[in-house]
N, C-alpha and C. Protein backbone atom coordinates (compact mmCIF):
# COMPACT_ATOMS: atom_id res chain seq x y z
N UNK A 1 -6.75 -5.32 -103.83
CA UNK A 1 -6.28 -3.98 -104.14
C UNK A 1 -5.50 -3.39 -102.97
N UNK A 2 -6.16 -3.09 -101.87
CA UNK A 2 -5.49 -2.39 -100.79
C UNK A 2 -4.44 -3.29 -100.13
N UNK A 3 -4.87 -4.22 -99.36
CA UNK A 3 -3.94 -5.13 -98.71
C UNK A 3 -3.15 -4.46 -97.60
N UNK A 4 -2.89 -5.24 -96.56
CA UNK A 4 -2.17 -4.71 -95.40
C UNK A 4 -0.77 -4.23 -95.76
N UNK A 5 -0.09 -4.95 -96.65
CA UNK A 5 1.28 -4.54 -96.98
C UNK A 5 1.31 -3.22 -97.75
N UNK A 6 0.33 -3.01 -98.64
CA UNK A 6 0.27 -1.73 -99.35
C UNK A 6 -0.09 -0.59 -98.40
N UNK A 7 -1.03 -0.85 -97.48
CA UNK A 7 -1.38 0.19 -96.51
C UNK A 7 -0.17 0.55 -95.67
N UNK A 8 0.59 -0.44 -95.23
CA UNK A 8 1.78 -0.16 -94.44
C UNK A 8 2.81 0.60 -95.26
N UNK A 9 2.92 0.30 -96.54
CA UNK A 9 3.86 1.01 -97.41
C UNK A 9 3.49 2.49 -97.51
N UNK A 10 2.20 2.80 -97.56
CA UNK A 10 1.76 4.20 -97.62
C UNK A 10 2.07 4.89 -96.30
N UNK A 11 1.78 4.23 -95.19
CA UNK A 11 2.10 4.79 -93.88
C UNK A 11 3.61 5.02 -93.75
N UNK A 12 4.39 4.05 -94.18
CA UNK A 12 5.86 4.18 -94.12
C UNK A 12 6.35 5.36 -94.97
N UNK A 13 5.76 5.53 -96.14
CA UNK A 13 6.12 6.64 -97.02
C UNK A 13 5.86 7.97 -96.32
N UNK A 14 4.69 8.11 -95.73
CA UNK A 14 4.33 9.33 -95.03
C UNK A 14 5.27 9.57 -93.84
N UNK A 15 5.51 8.53 -93.05
CA UNK A 15 6.40 8.70 -91.90
C UNK A 15 7.83 9.01 -92.33
N UNK A 16 8.26 8.47 -93.45
CA UNK A 16 9.59 8.82 -93.97
C UNK A 16 9.65 10.30 -94.32
N UNK A 17 8.57 10.83 -94.89
CA UNK A 17 8.52 12.26 -95.21
C UNK A 17 8.69 13.09 -93.95
N UNK A 18 7.94 12.77 -92.90
CA UNK A 18 8.03 13.53 -91.65
C UNK A 18 9.39 13.33 -90.98
N UNK A 19 9.91 12.11 -91.00
CA UNK A 19 11.22 11.86 -90.40
C UNK A 19 12.31 12.68 -91.09
N UNK A 20 12.21 12.81 -92.40
CA UNK A 20 13.20 13.58 -93.14
C UNK A 20 13.03 15.07 -92.87
N UNK A 21 11.79 15.53 -92.70
CA UNK A 21 11.59 16.92 -92.25
C UNK A 21 12.26 17.10 -90.88
N UNK A 22 11.97 16.19 -89.98
CA UNK A 22 12.49 16.32 -88.61
C UNK A 22 14.01 16.31 -88.56
N UNK A 23 14.64 15.68 -89.53
CA UNK A 23 16.11 15.66 -89.56
C UNK A 23 16.69 16.71 -90.51
N UNK A 24 15.84 17.55 -91.10
CA UNK A 24 16.31 18.62 -91.99
C UNK A 24 16.88 18.12 -93.30
N UNK A 25 16.35 17.02 -93.82
CA UNK A 25 16.85 16.40 -95.04
C UNK A 25 15.97 16.75 -96.24
N UNK A 26 16.21 17.91 -96.83
CA UNK A 26 15.40 18.38 -97.96
C UNK A 26 15.52 17.46 -99.17
N UNK A 27 16.72 17.04 -99.50
CA UNK A 27 16.90 16.14 -100.65
C UNK A 27 16.21 14.81 -100.42
N UNK A 28 16.30 14.30 -99.20
CA UNK A 28 15.62 13.06 -98.86
C UNK A 28 14.12 13.17 -98.98
N UNK A 29 13.58 14.31 -98.58
CA UNK A 29 12.14 14.53 -98.73
C UNK A 29 11.77 14.54 -100.21
N UNK A 30 12.55 15.24 -101.00
CA UNK A 30 12.26 15.36 -102.43
C UNK A 30 12.32 14.00 -103.13
N UNK A 31 13.19 13.12 -102.68
CA UNK A 31 13.30 11.79 -103.27
C UNK A 31 12.01 10.98 -103.13
N UNK A 32 11.18 11.35 -102.16
CA UNK A 32 9.94 10.62 -101.93
C UNK A 32 8.83 11.03 -102.88
N UNK A 33 9.03 12.15 -103.59
CA UNK A 33 8.02 12.64 -104.53
C UNK A 33 8.03 11.83 -105.82
N UNK A 34 6.88 11.78 -106.47
CA UNK A 34 6.84 11.26 -107.82
C UNK A 34 7.58 12.25 -108.72
N UNK A 35 7.86 11.87 -109.93
CA UNK A 35 8.64 12.73 -110.84
C UNK A 35 8.04 14.11 -111.00
N UNK A 36 6.71 14.19 -111.01
CA UNK A 36 6.07 15.50 -111.17
C UNK A 36 5.23 15.84 -109.94
N UNK A 37 5.70 15.43 -108.76
CA UNK A 37 4.97 15.64 -107.52
C UNK A 37 4.84 17.11 -107.15
N UNK A 38 3.80 17.38 -106.35
CA UNK A 38 3.50 18.74 -105.91
C UNK A 38 3.37 18.78 -104.40
N UNK A 39 3.71 19.95 -103.83
CA UNK A 39 3.60 20.17 -102.39
C UNK A 39 2.89 21.50 -102.18
N UNK A 40 1.93 21.51 -101.23
CA UNK A 40 1.32 22.75 -100.79
C UNK A 40 1.68 22.89 -99.32
N UNK A 41 2.47 23.91 -99.01
CA UNK A 41 2.97 24.11 -97.66
C UNK A 41 1.94 24.72 -96.73
N UNK A 42 2.29 24.78 -95.46
CA UNK A 42 1.43 25.29 -94.39
C UNK A 42 0.93 26.71 -94.67
N UNK A 43 1.78 27.50 -95.30
CA UNK A 43 1.42 28.90 -95.58
C UNK A 43 0.81 29.08 -96.97
N UNK A 44 0.57 27.98 -97.67
CA UNK A 44 -0.03 28.05 -99.00
C UNK A 44 0.99 28.09 -100.13
N UNK A 45 2.28 28.20 -99.81
CA UNK A 45 3.27 28.20 -100.88
C UNK A 45 3.31 26.82 -101.53
N UNK A 46 3.66 26.82 -102.81
CA UNK A 46 3.64 25.59 -103.57
C UNK A 46 5.02 25.27 -104.14
N UNK A 47 5.31 23.99 -104.17
CA UNK A 47 6.55 23.49 -104.76
C UNK A 47 6.16 22.43 -105.77
N UNK A 48 6.71 22.53 -106.96
CA UNK A 48 6.39 21.62 -108.04
C UNK A 48 7.64 20.88 -108.48
N UNK A 49 7.64 19.58 -108.27
CA UNK A 49 8.76 18.75 -108.68
C UNK A 49 9.82 18.61 -107.60
N UNK A 50 10.63 17.58 -107.77
CA UNK A 50 11.67 17.26 -106.78
C UNK A 50 12.70 18.36 -106.62
N UNK A 51 13.15 18.93 -107.72
CA UNK A 51 14.21 19.95 -107.64
C UNK A 51 13.75 21.18 -106.87
N UNK A 52 12.53 21.64 -107.16
CA UNK A 52 12.02 22.82 -106.45
C UNK A 52 11.80 22.52 -104.97
N UNK A 53 11.31 21.33 -104.66
CA UNK A 53 11.11 20.96 -103.27
C UNK A 53 12.44 20.93 -102.53
N UNK A 54 13.44 20.28 -103.10
CA UNK A 54 14.74 20.19 -102.46
C UNK A 54 15.36 21.57 -102.26
N UNK A 55 15.27 22.43 -103.26
CA UNK A 55 15.85 23.77 -103.15
C UNK A 55 15.12 24.62 -102.12
N UNK A 56 13.80 24.62 -102.17
CA UNK A 56 13.01 25.44 -101.25
C UNK A 56 13.20 24.99 -99.81
N UNK A 57 13.06 23.70 -99.57
CA UNK A 57 13.20 23.20 -98.21
C UNK A 57 14.65 23.27 -97.73
N UNK A 58 15.59 23.09 -98.65
CA UNK A 58 17.00 23.24 -98.29
C UNK A 58 17.29 24.63 -97.73
N UNK A 59 16.71 25.64 -98.37
CA UNK A 59 16.88 27.01 -97.90
C UNK A 59 16.23 27.21 -96.53
N UNK A 60 15.03 26.67 -96.37
CA UNK A 60 14.34 26.77 -95.08
C UNK A 60 15.16 26.12 -93.98
N UNK A 61 15.65 24.91 -94.22
CA UNK A 61 16.43 24.20 -93.20
C UNK A 61 17.75 24.92 -92.91
N UNK A 62 18.34 25.56 -93.90
CA UNK A 62 19.60 26.28 -93.69
C UNK A 62 19.40 27.57 -92.89
N UNK A 63 18.23 28.18 -93.02
CA UNK A 63 18.00 29.49 -92.40
C UNK A 63 17.20 29.43 -91.10
N UNK A 64 16.56 28.30 -90.81
CA UNK A 64 15.69 28.23 -89.64
C UNK A 64 15.86 26.91 -88.91
N UNK A 65 15.73 26.97 -87.61
CA UNK A 65 15.63 25.75 -86.81
C UNK A 65 14.15 25.38 -86.82
N UNK A 66 13.81 24.32 -87.51
CA UNK A 66 12.41 23.96 -87.69
C UNK A 66 11.92 23.06 -86.56
N UNK A 67 10.63 23.14 -86.29
CA UNK A 67 9.99 22.29 -85.29
C UNK A 67 9.83 20.87 -85.84
N UNK A 68 9.72 19.92 -84.92
CA UNK A 68 9.57 18.51 -85.30
C UNK A 68 8.10 18.11 -85.30
N UNK A 69 7.73 17.30 -86.27
CA UNK A 69 6.36 16.82 -86.39
C UNK A 69 6.09 15.64 -85.44
N UNK A 70 4.88 15.62 -84.92
CA UNK A 70 4.29 14.44 -84.30
C UNK A 70 2.98 14.21 -85.03
N UNK A 71 2.70 12.98 -85.43
CA UNK A 71 1.54 12.76 -86.31
C UNK A 71 0.63 11.66 -85.82
N UNK A 72 -0.61 11.75 -86.29
CA UNK A 72 -1.60 10.69 -86.10
C UNK A 72 -2.25 10.46 -87.47
N UNK A 73 -2.09 9.27 -88.00
CA UNK A 73 -2.72 8.94 -89.28
C UNK A 73 -4.18 8.62 -89.02
N UNK A 74 -5.06 9.30 -89.74
CA UNK A 74 -6.50 9.10 -89.59
C UNK A 74 -7.04 8.04 -90.55
N UNK A 75 -6.46 7.97 -91.75
CA UNK A 75 -7.01 7.07 -92.76
C UNK A 75 -6.00 6.83 -93.87
N UNK A 76 -6.01 5.61 -94.37
CA UNK A 76 -5.35 5.27 -95.63
C UNK A 76 -6.44 4.64 -96.49
N UNK A 77 -6.67 5.23 -97.65
CA UNK A 77 -7.74 4.76 -98.53
C UNK A 77 -7.18 4.57 -99.94
N UNK A 78 -7.50 3.45 -100.55
CA UNK A 78 -7.02 3.17 -101.90
C UNK A 78 -8.08 3.56 -102.91
N UNK A 79 -7.67 4.37 -103.87
CA UNK A 79 -8.55 4.80 -104.96
C UNK A 79 -8.49 3.77 -106.08
N UNK A 80 -7.32 3.18 -106.25
CA UNK A 80 -7.11 2.12 -107.23
C UNK A 80 -5.91 1.31 -106.77
N UNK A 81 -5.49 0.35 -107.58
CA UNK A 81 -4.29 -0.42 -107.24
C UNK A 81 -3.03 0.43 -107.19
N UNK A 82 -3.07 1.59 -107.86
CA UNK A 82 -1.87 2.41 -107.99
C UNK A 82 -2.01 3.81 -107.39
N UNK A 83 -3.11 4.08 -106.69
CA UNK A 83 -3.33 5.40 -106.10
C UNK A 83 -3.93 5.24 -104.70
N UNK A 84 -3.36 5.94 -103.74
CA UNK A 84 -3.88 5.91 -102.37
C UNK A 84 -3.88 7.32 -101.79
N UNK A 85 -4.76 7.52 -100.82
CA UNK A 85 -4.86 8.78 -100.10
C UNK A 85 -4.60 8.49 -98.63
N UNK A 86 -3.74 9.28 -98.02
CA UNK A 86 -3.51 9.21 -96.59
C UNK A 86 -3.92 10.55 -96.00
N UNK A 87 -4.68 10.50 -94.90
CA UNK A 87 -5.07 11.71 -94.17
C UNK A 87 -4.52 11.60 -92.76
N UNK A 88 -3.98 12.72 -92.26
CA UNK A 88 -3.38 12.72 -90.93
C UNK A 88 -3.54 14.09 -90.27
N UNK A 89 -3.27 14.13 -88.98
CA UNK A 89 -3.16 15.39 -88.25
C UNK A 89 -1.77 15.43 -87.64
N UNK A 90 -1.26 16.64 -87.50
CA UNK A 90 0.09 16.80 -86.94
C UNK A 90 0.13 17.97 -85.97
N UNK A 91 1.06 17.83 -85.06
CA UNK A 91 1.46 18.94 -84.20
C UNK A 91 2.95 19.12 -84.38
N UNK A 92 3.47 20.22 -83.87
CA UNK A 92 4.90 20.48 -84.01
C UNK A 92 5.48 20.87 -82.66
N UNK A 93 6.63 20.29 -82.36
CA UNK A 93 7.36 20.59 -81.13
C UNK A 93 8.53 21.49 -81.52
N UNK A 94 8.51 22.75 -81.04
CA UNK A 94 9.59 23.68 -81.40
C UNK A 94 10.94 23.21 -80.87
N UNK A 95 12.02 23.63 -81.53
CA UNK A 95 13.36 23.26 -81.07
C UNK A 95 13.57 23.68 -79.61
N UNK A 96 14.12 22.77 -78.82
CA UNK A 96 14.40 23.06 -77.42
C UNK A 96 13.20 22.97 -76.50
N UNK A 97 12.05 22.61 -77.02
CA UNK A 97 10.83 22.51 -76.22
C UNK A 97 10.41 21.04 -76.12
N UNK A 98 9.50 20.77 -75.21
CA UNK A 98 9.02 19.39 -75.02
C UNK A 98 7.53 19.27 -75.28
N UNK A 99 6.88 20.37 -75.65
CA UNK A 99 5.43 20.35 -75.85
C UNK A 99 5.08 20.87 -77.23
N UNK A 100 3.90 20.50 -77.66
CA UNK A 100 3.38 20.91 -78.96
C UNK A 100 2.98 22.38 -78.93
N UNK A 101 3.22 23.08 -80.02
CA UNK A 101 2.76 24.45 -80.20
C UNK A 101 1.40 24.39 -80.89
N UNK A 102 0.29 24.59 -80.18
CA UNK A 102 -1.04 24.44 -80.78
C UNK A 102 -1.30 25.38 -81.95
N UNK A 103 -0.57 26.48 -82.03
CA UNK A 103 -0.80 27.46 -83.10
C UNK A 103 -0.45 26.91 -84.48
N UNK A 104 0.32 25.83 -84.54
CA UNK A 104 0.72 25.29 -85.84
C UNK A 104 0.24 23.85 -86.06
N UNK A 105 -0.77 23.44 -85.30
CA UNK A 105 -1.38 22.13 -85.60
C UNK A 105 -1.90 22.18 -87.03
N UNK A 106 -1.89 21.03 -87.68
CA UNK A 106 -2.27 21.01 -89.09
C UNK A 106 -2.94 19.69 -89.46
N UNK A 107 -3.62 19.73 -90.58
CA UNK A 107 -4.18 18.56 -91.22
C UNK A 107 -3.34 18.32 -92.48
N UNK A 108 -2.88 17.10 -92.66
CA UNK A 108 -2.05 16.78 -93.81
C UNK A 108 -2.69 15.67 -94.63
N UNK A 109 -2.45 15.73 -95.92
CA UNK A 109 -2.90 14.68 -96.83
C UNK A 109 -1.78 14.40 -97.82
N UNK A 110 -1.67 13.13 -98.19
CA UNK A 110 -0.83 12.80 -99.34
C UNK A 110 -1.67 11.97 -100.30
N UNK A 111 -1.39 12.17 -101.57
CA UNK A 111 -1.86 11.27 -102.61
C UNK A 111 -0.62 10.52 -103.06
N UNK A 112 -0.65 9.22 -102.91
CA UNK A 112 0.50 8.40 -103.27
C UNK A 112 0.17 7.62 -104.54
N UNK A 113 1.17 7.48 -105.40
CA UNK A 113 1.02 6.72 -106.63
C UNK A 113 2.12 5.67 -106.70
N UNK A 114 1.77 4.54 -107.28
CA UNK A 114 2.78 3.49 -107.46
C UNK A 114 3.40 3.68 -108.83
N UNK A 115 4.70 3.94 -108.83
CA UNK A 115 5.46 4.14 -110.08
C UNK A 115 6.57 3.09 -110.12
N UNK A 116 6.58 2.31 -111.14
CA UNK A 116 7.61 1.26 -111.30
C UNK A 116 7.74 0.41 -110.04
N UNK A 117 6.59 0.07 -109.44
CA UNK A 117 6.58 -0.80 -108.28
C UNK A 117 6.85 -0.13 -106.95
N UNK A 118 7.11 1.18 -106.95
CA UNK A 118 7.38 1.90 -105.71
C UNK A 118 6.33 2.96 -105.47
N UNK A 119 5.95 3.13 -104.21
CA UNK A 119 5.02 4.19 -103.86
C UNK A 119 5.76 5.51 -103.73
N UNK A 120 5.20 6.55 -104.36
CA UNK A 120 5.76 7.91 -104.33
C UNK A 120 4.65 8.89 -104.00
N UNK A 121 5.02 10.05 -103.54
CA UNK A 121 4.06 11.09 -103.21
C UNK A 121 3.80 11.95 -104.44
N UNK A 122 2.55 11.93 -104.92
CA UNK A 122 2.17 12.79 -106.03
C UNK A 122 1.73 14.16 -105.54
N UNK A 123 1.14 14.19 -104.33
CA UNK A 123 0.71 15.46 -103.74
C UNK A 123 0.82 15.36 -102.23
N UNK A 124 1.46 16.35 -101.63
CA UNK A 124 1.51 16.50 -100.18
C UNK A 124 0.89 17.86 -99.87
N UNK A 125 -0.14 17.84 -99.05
CA UNK A 125 -0.88 19.07 -98.73
C UNK A 125 -0.93 19.23 -97.22
N UNK A 126 -0.57 20.42 -96.75
CA UNK A 126 -0.44 20.73 -95.33
C UNK A 126 -1.29 21.97 -95.04
N UNK A 127 -2.36 21.81 -94.26
CA UNK A 127 -3.31 22.89 -94.01
C UNK A 127 -3.40 23.19 -92.51
N UNK A 128 -3.35 24.46 -92.12
CA UNK A 128 -3.50 24.78 -90.70
C UNK A 128 -4.82 24.24 -90.14
N UNK A 129 -4.77 23.69 -88.93
CA UNK A 129 -5.98 23.23 -88.24
C UNK A 129 -6.45 24.37 -87.35
N UNK A 130 -6.96 25.42 -87.97
CA UNK A 130 -7.32 26.65 -87.25
C UNK A 130 -8.64 26.51 -86.49
N UNK A 131 -9.58 25.76 -87.02
CA UNK A 131 -10.87 25.57 -86.37
C UNK A 131 -11.48 26.89 -85.92
N UNK A 132 -11.56 27.84 -86.83
CA UNK A 132 -12.08 29.18 -86.52
C UNK A 132 -13.42 29.11 -85.79
N UNK A 133 -13.49 29.77 -84.66
CA UNK A 133 -14.72 29.81 -83.88
C UNK A 133 -15.03 28.55 -83.11
N UNK A 134 -14.10 27.57 -83.13
CA UNK A 134 -14.31 26.31 -82.42
C UNK A 134 -13.09 25.98 -81.57
N UNK A 135 -12.84 26.76 -80.51
CA UNK A 135 -11.64 26.52 -79.70
C UNK A 135 -11.63 25.13 -79.06
N UNK A 136 -12.80 24.56 -78.79
CA UNK A 136 -12.84 23.23 -78.19
C UNK A 136 -12.28 22.17 -79.14
N UNK A 137 -12.48 22.34 -80.45
CA UNK A 137 -11.92 21.40 -81.43
C UNK A 137 -10.41 21.51 -81.48
N UNK A 138 -9.91 22.73 -81.40
CA UNK A 138 -8.46 22.95 -81.39
C UNK A 138 -7.84 22.35 -80.13
N UNK A 139 -8.47 22.58 -79.00
CA UNK A 139 -7.96 22.03 -77.74
C UNK A 139 -8.00 20.51 -77.75
N UNK A 140 -9.06 19.92 -78.28
CA UNK A 140 -9.16 18.46 -78.34
C UNK A 140 -8.06 17.87 -79.22
N UNK A 141 -7.79 18.50 -80.35
CA UNK A 141 -6.72 18.01 -81.22
C UNK A 141 -5.37 18.13 -80.52
N UNK A 142 -5.13 19.25 -79.87
CA UNK A 142 -3.86 19.44 -79.16
C UNK A 142 -3.68 18.37 -78.09
N UNK A 143 -4.72 18.07 -77.35
CA UNK A 143 -4.61 17.03 -76.31
C UNK A 143 -4.36 15.66 -76.93
N UNK A 144 -5.02 15.36 -78.04
CA UNK A 144 -4.79 14.08 -78.72
C UNK A 144 -3.35 13.97 -79.21
N UNK A 145 -2.82 15.06 -79.75
CA UNK A 145 -1.44 15.06 -80.22
C UNK A 145 -0.45 14.96 -79.06
N UNK A 146 -0.78 15.59 -77.94
CA UNK A 146 0.08 15.47 -76.74
C UNK A 146 0.15 14.02 -76.27
N UNK A 147 -0.98 13.33 -76.32
CA UNK A 147 -0.98 11.90 -75.94
C UNK A 147 -0.07 11.11 -76.90
N UNK A 148 -0.16 11.42 -78.19
CA UNK A 148 0.69 10.72 -79.16
C UNK A 148 2.16 11.04 -78.91
N UNK A 149 2.45 12.27 -78.55
CA UNK A 149 3.83 12.69 -78.26
C UNK A 149 4.39 11.92 -77.07
N UNK A 150 3.56 11.67 -76.08
CA UNK A 150 4.04 11.01 -74.86
C UNK A 150 4.23 9.51 -75.03
N UNK A 151 3.74 8.96 -76.13
CA UNK A 151 3.86 7.50 -76.35
C UNK A 151 5.17 7.12 -76.96
């Protein structure tokens, strides 16, 4: 079921999503979604389907200089031959800066589905890693992400 090549395909799919964010490619990001894919953004806003994702992110990229993601994949787990879950943590490096902004660290998940032999994102979920009342957890994540950034 899982297999190393399928796990790598899921990791590649996720990294392609982040790479396209980092390059401001809204249409490219949307192409990675399944036909009826969903996105839950950092602020809780939702995008349903490729067209809405491309339009919403296209507007964001046109109006804002966005920070770049640095990620650490925590797990790739297969639910079936055609469904996988990837869990990761991310930090963001603001434009013109060289360090992560800890205020926007996040936990990300994708649910990937195999459609016509290709892996696509059925759900991308991005949640703030606020760690309310646990500053040591936030600091530990920031340091881990800084190490990943330096590699």
